[in-house]
Amino acid sequence: MAANDYTRGEMNIDAQKSMYAGTMKAGAWGAIITILMLAHATFTLSMGMNWLVSLVICAGGGIVIGLGMGFGGAWIATIIALSGLALFVQLLIFLFQLVL
C-alpha cells in the first residue's frame, strides 16, 4: 500500500467491532460458567449439600444470570446441556460404585 492510499478515519472497522463484541461475550460466558462450576463444587464439597440440589440451584441461577445479561436461547441450551452432562457423570459414578 502506497503512503498516499491511506486516509485517516475512513477505514471500515465493522469486522473489528464484531470480533471485539464476540470476544467479550465469549469471555463473559466462560467467566459465568467457571463461577457456576466453582459454586457447585463449593456447595457439594465444602457445605455438604446434596449434589442434585446444588446442580438445580446452580443451573437455575445460571439461567437467571444469563437471561439478565441478554445471552438468549443459546445460553439456556448450554446450561441445560452442561446439567445433562453432570447427570451423566453422576450416573457413571453410581454405576462404578456398584461394581466396586
Protein backbone atom coordinates (compact mmCIF):
# COMPACT_ATOMS: atom_id res chain seq x y z
CA MET A 1 0.00 0.00 0.00
CA ALA A 2 1.41 3.32 -1.01
CA ALA A 3 1.68 6.08 1.56
CA ASN A 4 -0.94 8.23 -0.18
CA ASP A 5 -3.63 5.45 -0.30
CA TYR A 6 -4.43 5.72 3.40
CA THR A 7 -6.85 8.34 4.67
CA ARG A 8 -7.13 8.68 8.44
CA GLY A 9 -10.60 7.88 9.85
CA GLU A 10 -12.01 6.20 6.75
CA MET A 11 -11.18 2.58 7.50
CA ASN A 12 -14.08 0.10 7.70
CA ILE A 13 -13.93 -1.32 11.22
CA ASP A 14 -17.11 -3.44 11.23
CA ALA A 15 -15.10 -6.68 11.34
CA GLN A 16 -13.04 -5.45 14.29
CA LYS A 17 -16.17 -4.34 16.15
CA SER A 18 -17.87 -7.69 15.72
CA MET A 19 -14.70 -9.57 16.70
CA TYR A 20 -14.37 -7.48 19.86
CA ALA A 21 -18.04 -8.00 20.76
CA GLY A 22 -17.73 -11.75 20.21
CA THR A 23 -14.59 -11.96 22.29
CA MET A 24 -16.21 -10.07 25.15
CA LYS A 25 -19.33 -12.27 25.02
CA ALA A 26 -17.21 -15.45 24.98
CA GLY A 27 -15.24 -14.13 27.94
CA ALA A 28 -18.44 -13.41 29.85
CA TRP A 29 -19.81 -16.88 29.06
CA GLY A 30 -16.59 -18.53 30.22
CA ALA A 31 -16.41 -16.49 33.41
CA ILE A 32 -20.01 -17.21 34.39
CA ILE A 33 -19.67 -20.93 33.65
CA THR A 34 -16.49 -21.03 35.74
CA ILE A 35 -18.25 -19.27 38.62
CA LEU A 36 -21.15 -21.73 38.40
CA MET A 37 -18.77 -24.71 38.44
CA LEU A 38 -16.96 -23.34 41.46
CA ALA A 39 -20.26 -22.66 43.22
CA HIS A 40 -21.42 -26.23 42.55
CA ALA A 41 -18.14 -27.64 43.88
CA THR A 42 -18.30 -25.41 46.95
CA PHE A 43 -21.89 -26.33 47.73
CA THR A 44 -21.27 -30.07 47.44
CA LEU A 45 -17.76 -30.46 48.86
CA SER A 46 -17.47 -27.70 51.46
CA MET A 47 -21.05 -27.26 52.59
CA GLY A 48 -22.12 -30.90 52.28
CA MET A 49 -25.17 -30.11 50.15
CA ASN A 50 -26.69 -32.88 48.05
CA TRP A 51 -25.18 -32.78 44.55
CA LEU A 52 -28.57 -32.76 42.81
CA VAL A 53 -29.87 -29.85 44.90
CA SER A 54 -26.67 -27.96 44.22
CA LEU A 55 -26.96 -28.68 40.49
CA VAL A 56 -30.53 -27.39 40.37
CA ILE A 57 -29.59 -24.23 42.29
CA CYS A 58 -26.57 -23.52 40.10
CA ALA A 59 -28.40 -24.27 36.84
CA GLY A 60 -31.35 -22.11 37.85
CA GLY A 61 -29.03 -19.31 38.90
CA GLY A 62 -27.10 -19.65 35.67
CA ILE A 63 -30.24 -19.36 33.58
CA VAL A 64 -31.38 -16.29 35.51
CA ILE A 65 -27.96 -14.63 35.23
CA GLY A 66 -27.72 -15.41 31.50
CA LEU A 67 -31.17 -14.06 30.77
CA GLY A 68 -30.40 -10.97 32.81
CA MET A 69 -27.29 -10.38 30.69
CA GLY A 70 -29.20 -10.95 27.45
CA PHE A 71 -27.47 -14.17 26.36
CA GLY A 72 -30.66 -15.66 24.91
CA GLY A 73 -31.60 -19.19 23.97
CA ALA A 74 -28.10 -20.45 23.26
CA TRP A 75 -27.18 -19.76 26.88
CA ILE A 76 -30.18 -21.72 28.18
CA ALA A 77 -29.34 -24.64 25.87
CA THR A 78 -25.73 -24.58 27.09
CA ILE A 79 -26.75 -24.63 30.75
CA ILE A 80 -29.20 -27.48 30.14
CA ALA A 81 -26.57 -29.45 28.19
CA LEU A 82 -23.98 -28.96 30.94
CA SER A 83 -26.53 -30.05 33.54
CA GLY A 84 -27.26 -33.15 31.46
CA LEU A 85 -23.54 -33.86 31.30
CA ALA A 86 -23.34 -33.54 35.09
CA LEU A 87 -26.21 -36.01 35.48
CA PHE A 88 -24.49 -38.44 33.10
CA VAL A 89 -21.22 -38.22 35.03
CA GLN A 90 -23.05 -38.79 38.31
CA LEU A 91 -24.75 -41.84 36.77
CA LEU A 92 -21.34 -43.21 35.77
CA ILE A 93 -20.05 -42.64 39.30
CA PHE A 94 -23.06 -44.50 40.71
CA LEU A 95 -22.56 -47.43 38.32
CA PHE A 96 -18.85 -47.71 39.13
CA GLN A 97 -19.69 -47.72 42.84
CA LEU A 98 -21.94 -50.71 42.25
CA VAL A 99 -19.11 -52.62 40.58
CA LEU A 100 -16.58 -51.90 43.31
